[in-house]
Amino acid sequence: MTAVGDGLEHEVAADELTVGRATGRYRALCGLLVDPASLTVAAGVPCRGCAVEAAPAPDLAGQDAQRSRRETASWLRGLRARTARLATSAGGLDVAA
């Protein structure tokens, strides 16, 4: 959902869509209270805060260092791919670079 205030494309949980229906304002995964833009407005650049919340970092406590690095690198690649995919659908802006 593209926000009027910052122009970014925010992720909104399904239960938040029902809660916000009465007021027309929705709580994004990043915590921002979103006033949605018109549906005719092109999608904005993906919000990095929402992308991180949608794909949280793996729990690395108690793991050996090499395994932790591998899991973190894998998570970062996935996050970058997700952000790039969202940016491509938002009009070709390359925010992952």
PDB file of N, CA and C in Angstrom:
ATOM      1  N   MET A   1       0.845  -1.159   0.000  1.00  0.00           N
ATOM      2  CA  MET A   1       0.000   0.000   0.000  1.00  0.00           C
ATOM      3  C   MET A   1       0.905   1.241   0.000  1.00  0.00           C
ATOM      4  N   THR A   2       0.727   2.095  -0.982  1.00  0.00           N
ATOM      5  CA  THR A   2       1.534   3.313  -1.081  1.00  0.00           C
ATOM      6  C   THR A   2       0.983   4.380  -0.142  1.00  0.00           C
ATOM      7  N   ALA A   3       1.863   4.967   0.660  1.00  0.00           N
ATOM      8  CA  ALA A   3       1.466   5.990   1.624  1.00  0.00           C
ATOM      9  C   ALA A   3       1.503   7.366   0.979  1.00  0.00           C
ATOM     10  N   VAL A   4       0.531   8.182   1.325  1.00  0.00           N
ATOM     11  CA  VAL A   4       0.487   9.553   0.822  1.00  0.00           C
ATOM     12  C   VAL A   4       1.652  10.355   1.394  1.00  0.00           C
ATOM     13  N   GLY A   5       1.947  10.183   2.676  1.00  0.00           N
ATOM     14  CA  GLY A   5       2.956  10.988   3.364  1.00  0.00           C
ATOM     15  C   GLY A   5       4.361  10.850   2.834  1.00  0.00           C
ATOM     16  N   ASP A   6       4.835   9.608   2.644  1.00  0.00           N
ATOM     17  CA  ASP A   6       6.221   9.416   2.223  1.00  0.00           C
ATOM     18  C   ASP A   6       6.365   8.827   0.826  1.00  0.00           C
ATOM     19  N   GLY A   7       5.282   8.396   0.207  1.00  0.00           N
ATOM     20  CA  GLY A   7       5.334   7.854  -1.148  1.00  0.00           C
ATOM     21  C   GLY A   7       5.919   6.457  -1.242  1.00  0.00           C
ATOM     22  N   LEU A   8       6.218   5.826  -0.097  1.00  0.00           N
ATOM     23  CA  LEU A   8       6.791   4.482  -0.098  1.00  0.00           C
ATOM     24  C   LEU A   8       5.690   3.429  -0.123  1.00  0.00           C
ATOM     25  N   GLU A   9       6.041   2.272  -0.645  1.00  0.00           N
ATOM     26  CA  GLU A   9       5.129   1.126  -0.664  1.00  0.00           C
ATOM     27  C   GLU A   9       5.322   0.355   0.641  1.00  0.00           C
ATOM     28  N   HIS A  10       4.295   0.336   1.489  1.00  0.00           N
ATOM     29  CA  HIS A  10       4.372  -0.313   2.797  1.00  0.00           C
ATOM     30  C   HIS A  10       3.616  -1.635   2.784  1.00  0.00           C
ATOM     31  N   GLU A  11       4.103  -2.578   3.599  1.00  0.00           N
ATOM     32  CA  GLU A  11       3.427  -3.865   3.794  1.00  0.00           C
ATOM     33  C   GLU A  11       2.459  -3.697   4.969  1.00  0.00           C
ATOM     34  N   VAL A  12       1.222  -4.155   4.771  1.00  0.00           N
ATOM     35  CA  VAL A  12       0.209  -4.092   5.821  1.00  0.00           C
ATOM     36  C   VAL A  12      -0.329  -5.497   6.039  1.00  0.00           C
ATOM     37  N   ALA A  13      -0.347  -5.948   7.290  1.00  0.00           N
ATOM     38  CA  ALA A  13      -0.850  -7.288   7.616  1.00  0.00           C
ATOM     39  C   ALA A  13      -2.349  -7.356   7.358  1.00  0.00           C
ATOM     40  N   ALA A  14      -2.843  -8.552   7.062  1.00  0.00           N
ATOM     41  CA  ALA A  14      -4.258  -8.752   6.739  1.00  0.00           C
ATOM     42  C   ALA A  14      -5.170  -8.309   7.881  1.00  0.00           C
ATOM     43  N   ASP A  15      -4.796  -8.613   9.122  1.00  0.00           N
ATOM     44  CA  ASP A  15      -5.650  -8.209  10.242  1.00  0.00           C
ATOM     45  C   ASP A  15      -5.681  -6.695  10.415  1.00  0.00           C
ATOM     46  N   GLU A  16      -4.608  -6.011  10.032  1.00  0.00           N
ATOM     47  CA  GLU A  16      -4.582  -4.547  10.100  1.00  0.00           C
ATOM     48  C   GLU A  16      -5.485  -3.919   9.042  1.00  0.00           C
ATOM     49  N   LEU A  17      -5.704  -4.626   7.937  1.00  0.00           N
ATOM     50  CA  LEU A  17      -6.614  -4.117   6.911  1.00  0.00           C
ATOM     51  C   LEU A  17      -8.037  -4.034   7.462  1.00  0.00           C
ATOM     52  N   THR A  18      -8.439  -5.021   8.246  1.00  0.00           N
ATOM     53  CA  THR A  18      -9.779  -4.993   8.830  1.00  0.00           C
ATOM     54  C   THR A  18      -9.883  -3.935   9.916  1.00  0.00           C
ATOM     55  N   VAL A  19      -8.844  -3.804  10.730  1.00  0.00           N
ATOM     56  CA  VAL A  19      -8.856  -2.818  11.810  1.00  0.00           C
ATOM     57  C   VAL A  19      -8.925  -1.399  11.244  1.00  0.00           C
ATOM     58  N   GLY A  20      -8.165  -1.129  10.202  1.00  0.00           N
ATOM     59  CA  GLY A  20      -8.096   0.221   9.650  1.00  0.00           C
ATOM     60  C   GLY A  20      -9.218   0.590   8.708  1.00  0.00           C
ATOM     61  N   ARG A  21     -10.040  -0.375   8.353  1.00  0.00           N
ATOM     62  CA  ARG A  21     -11.112  -0.109   7.386  1.00  0.00           C
ATOM     63  C   ARG A  21     -12.040   1.012   7.851  1.00  0.00           C
ATOM     64  N   ALA A  22     -12.328   1.083   9.136  1.00  0.00           N
ATOM     65  CA  ALA A  22     -13.254   2.088   9.665  1.00  0.00           C
ATOM     66  C   ALA A  22     -12.709   3.508   9.517  1.00  0.00           C
ATOM     67  N   THR A  23     -11.412   3.688   9.733  1.00  0.00           N
ATOM     68  CA  THR A  23     -10.827   5.033   9.701  1.00  0.00           C
ATOM     69  C   THR A  23     -10.138   5.359   8.382  1.00  0.00           C
ATOM     70  N   GLY A  24      -9.793   4.317   7.614  1.00  0.00           N
ATOM     71  CA  GLY A  24      -9.074   4.551   6.361  1.00  0.00           C
ATOM     72  C   GLY A  24      -7.579   4.720   6.559  1.00  0.00           C
ATOM     73  N   ARG A  25      -7.096   4.435   7.767  1.00  0.00           N
ATOM     74  CA  ARG A  25      -5.663   4.504   8.071  1.00  0.00           C
ATOM     75  C   ARG A  25      -5.229   3.129   8.545  1.00  0.00           C
ATOM     76  N   TYR A  26      -4.060   2.696   8.086  1.00  0.00           N
ATOM     77  CA  TYR A  26      -3.620   1.333   8.342  1.00  0.00           C
ATOM     78  C   TYR A  26      -2.219   1.329   8.949  1.00  0.00           C
ATOM     79  N   ARG A  27      -1.979   0.417   9.899  1.00  0.00           N
ATOM     80  CA  ARG A  27      -0.670   0.293  10.537  1.00  0.00           C
ATOM     81  C   ARG A  27       0.196  -0.636   9.689  1.00  0.00           C
ATOM     82  N   ALA A  28       1.310  -0.110   9.165  1.00  0.00           N
ATOM     83  CA  ALA A  28       2.236  -0.901   8.347  1.00  0.00           C
ATOM     84  C   ALA A  28       3.120  -1.749   9.252  1.00  0.00           C
ATOM     85  N   LEU A  29       3.796  -2.733   8.672  1.00  0.00           N
ATOM     86  CA  LEU A  29       4.681  -3.604   9.444  1.00  0.00           C
ATOM     87  C   LEU A  29       5.814  -2.823  10.098  1.00  0.00           C
ATOM     88  N   CYS A  30       6.226  -1.710   9.482  1.00  0.00           N
ATOM     89  CA  CYS A  30       7.307  -0.892  10.042  1.00  0.00           C
ATOM     90  C   CYS A  30       6.829  -0.011  11.196  1.00  0.00           C
ATOM     91  N   GLY A  31       5.500   0.031  11.431  1.00  0.00           N
ATOM     92  CA  GLY A  31       4.950   0.812  12.528  1.00  0.00           C
ATOM     93  C   GLY A  31       4.303   2.118  12.102  1.00  0.00           C
ATOM     94  N   LEU A  32       4.504   2.535  10.870  1.00  0.00           N
ATOM     95  CA  LEU A  32       3.938   3.788  10.375  1.00  0.00           C
ATOM     96  C   LEU A  32       2.433   3.659  10.218  1.00  0.00           C
ATOM     97  N   LEU A  33       1.705   4.700  10.566  1.00  0.00           N
ATOM     98  CA  LEU A  33       0.275   4.756  10.316  1.00  0.00           C
ATOM     99  C   LEU A  33       0.102   5.326   8.914  1.00  0.00           C
ATOM    100  N   VAL A  34      -0.400   4.503   7.996  1.00  0.00           N
ATOM    101  CA  VAL A  34      -0.424   4.831   6.572  1.00  0.00           C
ATOM    102  C   VAL A  34      -1.772   5.398   6.161  1.00  0.00           C
ATOM    103  N   ASP A  35      -1.725   6.557   5.497  1.00  0.00           N
ATOM    104  CA  ASP A  35      -2.876   7.083   4.769  1.00  0.00           C
ATOM    105  C   ASP A  35      -2.655   6.649   3.332  1.00  0.00           C
ATOM    106  N   PRO A  36      -3.454   5.699   2.817  1.00  0.00           N
ATOM    107  CA  PRO A  36      -3.180   5.153   1.489  1.00  0.00           C
ATOM    108  C   PRO A  36      -3.417   6.163   0.378  1.00  0.00           C
ATOM    109  N   ALA A  37      -2.559   6.075  -0.638  1.00  0.00           N
ATOM    110  CA  ALA A  37      -2.725   6.896  -1.833  1.00  0.00           C
ATOM    111  C   ALA A  37      -3.834   6.280  -2.681  1.00  0.00           C
ATOM    112  N   SER A  38      -4.278   7.015  -3.652  1.00  0.00           N
ATOM    113  CA  SER A  38      -5.297   6.525  -4.573  1.00  0.00           C
ATOM    114  C   SER A  38      -4.803   5.271  -5.280  1.00  0.00           C
ATOM    115  N   LEU A  39      -5.717   4.382  -5.631  1.00  0.00           N
ATOM    116  CA  LEU A  39      -5.338   3.159  -6.335  1.00  0.00           C
ATOM    117  C   LEU A  39      -4.808   3.446  -7.732  1.00  0.00           C
ATOM    118  N   THR A  40      -5.036   4.653  -8.244  1.00  0.00           N
ATOM    119  CA  THR A  40      -4.522   5.004  -9.565  1.00  0.00           C
ATOM    120  C   THR A  40      -3.071   5.466  -9.515  1.00  0.00           C
ATOM    121  N   VAL A  41      -2.547   5.714  -8.307  1.00  0.00           N
ATOM    122  CA  VAL A  41      -1.152   6.129  -8.143  1.00  0.00           C
ATOM    123  C   VAL A  41      -0.263   4.894  -8.264  1.00  0.00           C
ATOM    124  N   ALA A  42       0.820   5.024  -9.020  1.00  0.00           N
ATOM    125  CA  ALA A  42       1.761   3.904  -9.167  1.00  0.00           C
ATOM    126  C   ALA A  42       2.376   3.559  -7.812  1.00  0.00           C
ATOM    127  N   ALA A  43       2.702   2.288  -7.633  1.00  0.00           N
ATOM    128  CA  ALA A  43       3.315   1.845  -6.377  1.00  0.00           C
ATOM    129  C   ALA A  43       4.639   2.569  -6.158  1.00  0.00           C
ATOM    130  N   GLY A  44       4.908   2.917  -4.908  1.00  0.00           N
ATOM    131  CA  GLY A  44       6.149   3.605  -4.583  1.00  0.00           C
ATOM    132  C   GLY A  44       7.299   2.634  -4.380  1.00  0.00           C
ATOM    133  N   VAL A  45       8.435   3.177  -4.010  1.00  0.00           N
ATOM    134  CA  VAL A  45       9.618   2.373  -3.691  1.00  0.00           C
ATOM    135  C   VAL A  45       9.307   1.596  -2.411  1.00  0.00           C
ATOM    136  N   PRO A  46       9.661   0.318  -2.334  1.00  0.00           N
ATOM    137  CA  PRO A  46       9.360  -0.476  -1.137  1.00  0.00           C
ATOM    138  C   PRO A  46      10.022   0.084   0.120  1.00  0.00           C
ATOM    139  N   CYS A  47       9.293   0.053   1.205  1.00  0.00           N
ATOM    140  CA  CYS A  47       9.804   0.482   2.509  1.00  0.00           C
ATOM    141  C   CYS A  47      10.743  -0.597   3.042  1.00  0.00           C
ATOM    142  N   ARG A  48      11.976  -0.225   3.342  1.00  0.00           N
ATOM    143  CA  ARG A  48      12.943  -1.206   3.844  1.00  0.00           C
ATOM    144  C   ARG A  48      12.554  -1.707   5.235  1.00  0.00           C
ATOM    145  N   GLY A  49      11.963  -0.858   6.044  1.00  0.00           N
ATOM    146  CA  GLY A  49      11.525  -1.284   7.371  1.00  0.00           C
ATOM    147  C   GLY A  49      10.471  -2.375   7.293  1.00  0.00           C
ATOM    148  N   CYS A  50       9.537  -2.229   6.380  1.00  0.00           N
ATOM    149  CA  CYS A  50       8.506  -3.255   6.189  1.00  0.00           C
ATOM    150  C   CYS A  50       9.120  -4.535   5.637  1.00  0.00           C
ATOM    151  N   ALA A  51      10.077  -4.404   4.721  1.00  0.00           N
ATOM    152  CA  ALA A  51      10.716  -5.588   4.136  1.00  0.00           C
ATOM    153  C   ALA A  51      11.445  -6.388   5.207  1.00  0.00           C
ATOM    154  N   VAL A  52      12.103  -5.700   6.131  1.00  0.00           N
ATOM    155  CA  VAL A  52      12.812  -6.388   7.217  1.00  0.00           C
ATOM    156  C   VAL A  52      11.812  -7.071   8.143  1.00  0.00           C
ATOM    157  N   GLU A  53      10.697  -6.411   8.436  1.00  0.00           N
ATOM    158  CA  GLU A  53       9.683  -7.008   9.310  1.00  0.00           C
ATOM    159  C   GLU A  53       8.996  -8.192   8.641  1.00  0.00           C
ATOM    160  N   ALA A  54       8.818  -8.129   7.327  1.00  0.00           N
ATOM    161  CA  ALA A  54       8.166  -9.220   6.600  1.00  0.00           C
ATOM    162  C   ALA A  54       9.062 -10.452   6.538  1.00  0.00           C
ATOM    163  N   ALA A  55      10.374 -10.247   6.527  1.00  0.00           N
ATOM    164  CA  ALA A  55      11.338 -11.358   6.492  1.00  0.00           C
ATOM    165  C   ALA A  55      12.364 -11.122   7.592  1.00  0.00           C
ATOM    166  N   PRO A  56      12.017 -11.411   8.848  1.00  0.00           N
ATOM    167  CA  PRO A  56      12.926 -11.109   9.963  1.00  0.00           C
ATOM    168  C   PRO A  56      14.235 -11.890   9.896  1.00  0.00           C
ATOM    169  N   ALA A  57      15.261 -11.335  10.504  1.00  0.00           N
ATOM    170  CA  ALA A  57      16.583 -11.976  10.539  1.00  0.00           C
ATOM    171  C   ALA A  57      16.507 -13.274  11.330  1.00  0.00           C
ATOM    172  N   PRO A  58      17.317 -14.253  10.963  1.00  0.00           N
ATOM    173  CA  PRO A  58      17.322 -15.513  11.711  1.00  0.00           C
ATOM    174  C   PRO A  58      17.871 -15.314  13.121  1.00  0.00           C
ATOM    175  N   ASP A  59      17.420 -16.139  14.042  1.00  0.00           N
ATOM    176  CA  ASP A  59      17.925 -16.088  15.412  1.00  0.00           C
ATOM    177  C   ASP A  59      19.303 -16.743  15.437  1.00  0.00           C
ATOM    178  N   LEU A  60      20.316 -15.964  15.772  1.00  0.00           N
ATOM    179  CA  LEU A  60      21.688 -16.453  15.679  1.00  0.00           C
ATOM    180  C   LEU A  60      22.309 -16.784  17.033  1.00  0.00           C
ATOM    181  N   ALA A  61      21.554 -16.667  18.096  1.00  0.00           N
ATOM    182  CA  ALA A  61      22.112 -16.917  19.429  1.00  0.00           C
ATOM    183  C   ALA A  61      22.494 -18.383  19.588  1.00  0.00           C
ATOM    184  N   GLY A  62      23.700 -18.615  20.093  1.00  0.00           N
ATOM    185  CA  GLY A  62      24.147 -19.960  20.399  1.00  0.00           C
ATOM    186  C   GLY A  62      24.660 -20.765  19.218  1.00  0.00           C
ATOM    187  N   GLN A  63      24.813 -20.170  18.057  1.00  0.00           N
ATOM    188  CA  GLN A  63      25.314 -20.900  16.893  1.00  0.00           C
ATOM    189  C   GLN A  63      26.788 -20.593  16.702  1.00  0.00           C
ATOM    190  N   ASP A  64      27.471 -21.517  16.020  1.00  0.00           N
ATOM    191  CA  ASP A  64      28.879 -21.238  15.753  1.00  0.00           C
ATOM    192  C   ASP A  64      28.991 -20.102  14.731  1.00  0.00           C
ATOM    193  N   ALA A  65      30.140 -19.442  14.703  1.00  0.00           N
ATOM    194  CA  ALA A  65      30.330 -18.234  13.901  1.00  0.00           C
ATOM    195  C   ALA A  65      30.128 -18.478  12.408  1.00  0.00           C
ATOM    196  N   GLN A  66      30.659 -19.572  11.875  1.00  0.00           N
ATOM    197  CA  GLN A  66      30.541 -19.822  10.438  1.00  0.00           C
ATOM    198  C   GLN A  66      29.081 -20.049  10.043  1.00  0.00           C
ATOM    199  N   ARG A  67      28.372 -20.823  10.820  1.00  0.00           N
ATOM    200  CA  ARG A  67      26.966 -21.080  10.515  1.00  0.00           C
ATOM    201  C   ARG A  67      26.162 -19.785  10.625  1.00  0.00           C
ATOM    202  N   SER A  68      26.470 -18.963  11.609  1.00  0.00           N
ATOM    203  CA  SER A  68      25.795 -17.680  11.773  1.00  0.00           C
ATOM    204  C   SER A  68      26.000 -16.794  10.555  1.00  0.00           C
ATOM    205  N   ARG A  69      27.239 -16.735  10.069  1.00  0.00           N
ATOM    206  CA  ARG A  69      27.532 -15.912   8.888  1.00  0.00           C
ATOM    207  C   ARG A  69      26.773 -16.419   7.672  1.00  0.00           C
ATOM    208  N   ARG A  70      26.734 -17.750   7.494  1.00  0.00           N
ATOM    209  CA  ARG A  70      26.015 -18.328   6.351  1.00  0.00           C
ATOM    210  C   ARG A  70      24.529 -17.984   6.412  1.00  0.00           C
ATOM    211  N   GLU A  71      23.925 -18.151   7.585  1.00  0.00           N
ATOM    212  CA  GLU A  71      22.497 -17.869   7.720  1.00  0.00           C
ATOM    213  C   GLU A  71      22.201 -16.387   7.541  1.00  0.00           C
ATOM    214  N   THR A  72      23.064 -15.538   8.075  1.00  0.00           N
ATOM    215  CA  THR A  72      22.865 -14.099   7.904  1.00  0.00           C
ATOM    216  C   THR A  72      23.019 -13.706   6.442  1.00  0.00           C
ATOM    217  N   ALA A  73      24.025 -14.241   5.764  1.00  0.00           N
ATOM    218  CA  ALA A  73      24.228 -13.940   4.342  1.00  0.00           C
ATOM    219  C   ALA A  73      23.036 -14.408   3.523  1.00  0.00           C
ATOM    220  N   SER A  74      22.526 -15.582   3.832  1.00  0.00           N
ATOM    221  CA  SER A  74      21.357 -16.109   3.129  1.00  0.00           C
ATOM    222  C   SER A  74      20.147 -15.209   3.351  1.00  0.00           C
ATOM    223  N   TRP A  75      19.949 -14.771   4.580  1.00  0.00           N
ATOM    224  CA  TRP A  75      18.833 -13.883   4.894  1.00  0.00           C
ATOM    225  C   TRP A  75      18.966 -12.551   4.147  1.00  0.00           C
ATOM    226  N   LEU A  76      20.182 -11.993   4.123  1.00  0.00           N
ATOM    227  CA  LEU A  76      20.399 -10.726   3.426  1.00  0.00           C
ATOM    228  C   LEU A  76      20.150 -10.865   1.923  1.00  0.00           C
ATOM    229  N   ARG A  77      20.591 -11.992   1.317  1.00  0.00           N
ATOM    230  CA  ARG A  77      20.318 -12.217  -0.105  1.00  0.00           C
ATOM    231  C   ARG A  77      18.813 -12.271  -0.363  1.00  0.00           C
ATOM    232  N   GLY A  78      18.091 -12.962   0.503  1.00  0.00           N
ATOM    233  CA  GLY A  78      16.638 -13.053   0.352  1.00  0.00           C
ATOM    234  C   GLY A  78      15.969 -11.702   0.504  1.00  0.00           C
ATOM    235  N   LEU A  79      16.422 -10.919   1.474  1.00  0.00           N
ATOM    236  CA  LEU A  79      15.864  -9.587   1.683  1.00  0.00           C
ATOM    237  C   LEU A  79      16.147  -8.695   0.481  1.00  0.00           C
ATOM    238  N   ARG A  80      17.367  -8.771  -0.028  1.00  0.00           N
ATOM    239  CA  ARG A  80      17.717  -7.958  -1.192  1.00  0.00           C
ATOM    240  C   ARG A  80      16.887  -8.370  -2.406  1.00  0.00           C
ATOM    241  N   ALA A  81      16.696  -9.669  -2.607  1.00  0.00           N
ATOM    242  CA  ALA A  81      15.892 -10.148  -3.730  1.00  0.00           C
ATOM    243  C   ALA A  81      14.445  -9.689  -3.583  1.00  0.00           C
ATOM    244  N   ARG A  82      13.914  -9.767  -2.361  1.00  0.00           N
ATOM    245  CA  ARG A  82      12.531  -9.334  -2.127  1.00  0.00           C
ATOM    246  C   ARG A  82      12.387  -7.841  -2.386  1.00  0.00           C
ATOM    247  N   THR A  83      13.317  -7.045  -1.897  1.00  0.00           N
ATOM    248  CA  THR A  83      13.268  -5.600  -2.110  1.00  0.00           C
ATOM    249  C   THR A  83      13.395  -5.271  -3.593  1.00  0.00           C
ATOM    250  N   ALA A  84      14.281  -5.967  -4.296  1.00  0.00           N
ATOM    251  CA  ALA A  84      14.447  -5.729  -5.734  1.00  0.00           C
ATOM    252  C   ALA A  84      13.184  -6.115  -6.489  1.00  0.00           C
ATOM    253  N   ARG A  85      12.567  -7.228  -6.090  1.00  0.00           N
ATOM    254  CA  ARG A  85      11.340  -7.674  -6.741  1.00  0.00           C
ATOM    255  C   ARG A  85      10.229  -6.646  -6.528  1.00  0.00           C
ATOM    256  N   LEU A  86      10.104  -6.130  -5.310  1.00  0.00           N
ATOM    257  CA  LEU A  86       9.097  -5.116  -5.020  1.00  0.00           C
ATOM    258  C   LEU A  86       9.389  -3.828  -5.780  1.00  0.00           C
ATOM    259  N   ALA A  87      10.667  -3.467  -5.894  1.00  0.00           N
ATOM    260  CA  ALA A  87      11.045  -2.251  -6.612  1.00  0.00           C
ATOM    261  C   ALA A  87      10.742  -2.387  -8.093  1.00  0.00           C
ATOM    262  N   THR A  88      10.962  -3.569  -8.651  1.00  0.00           N
ATOM    263  CA  THR A  88      10.676  -3.793 -10.062  1.00  0.00           C
ATOM    264  C   THR A  88       9.188  -3.636 -10.317  1.00  0.00           C
ATOM    265  N   SER A  89       8.371  -4.153  -9.413  1.00  0.00           N
ATOM    266  CA  SER A  89       6.929  -4.013  -9.583  1.00  0.00           C
ATOM    267  C   SER A  89       6.480  -2.582  -9.309  1.00  0.00           C
ATOM    268  N   ALA A  90       7.353  -1.774  -8.678  1.00  0.00           N
ATOM    269  CA  ALA A  90       7.020  -0.387  -8.375  1.00  0.00           C
ATOM    270  C   ALA A  90       7.465   0.570  -9.472  1.00  0.00           C
ATOM    271  N   GLY A  91       7.919   0.061 -10.582  1.00  0.00           N
ATOM    272  CA  GLY A  91       8.263   0.950 -11.672  1.00  0.00           C
ATOM    273  C   GLY A  91       9.705   0.908 -12.091  1.00  0.00           C
ATOM    274  N   GLY A  92      10.432  -0.116 -11.716  1.00  0.00           N
ATOM    275  CA  GLY A  92      11.790  -0.284 -12.208  1.00  0.00           C
ATOM    276  C   GLY A  92      12.865   0.435 -11.434  1.00  0.00           C
ATOM    277  N   LEU A  93      12.558   0.973 -10.262  1.00  0.00           N
ATOM    278  CA  LEU A  93      13.584   1.651  -9.480  1.00  0.00           C
ATOM    279  C   LEU A  93      14.467   0.617  -8.813  1.00  0.00           C
ATOM    280  N   ASP A  94      15.769   0.807  -8.853  1.00  0.00           N
ATOM    281  CA  ASP A  94      16.701  -0.166  -8.288  1.00  0.00           C
ATOM    282  C   ASP A  94      17.130   0.291  -6.905  1.00  0.00           C
ATOM    283  N   VAL A  95      16.385  -0.113  -5.864  1.00  0.00           N
ATOM    284  CA  VAL A  95      16.726   0.281  -4.502  1.00  0.00           C
ATOM    285  C   VAL A  95      17.617  -0.744  -3.833  1.00  0.00           C
ATOM    286  N   ALA A  96      17.813  -1.902  -4.455  1.00  0.00           N
ATOM    287  CA  ALA A  96      18.620  -2.954  -3.838  1.00  0.00           C
ATOM    288  C   ALA A  96      20.102  -2.774  -4.105  1.00  0.00           C
ATOM    289  N   ALA A  97      20.466  -1.909  -4.996  1.00  0.00           N
ATOM    290  CA  ALA A  97      21.881  -1.740  -5.356  1.00  0.00           C
ATOM    291  C   ALA A  97      22.609  -0.885  -4.355  1.00  0.00           C
TER     292      ALA A  97
END
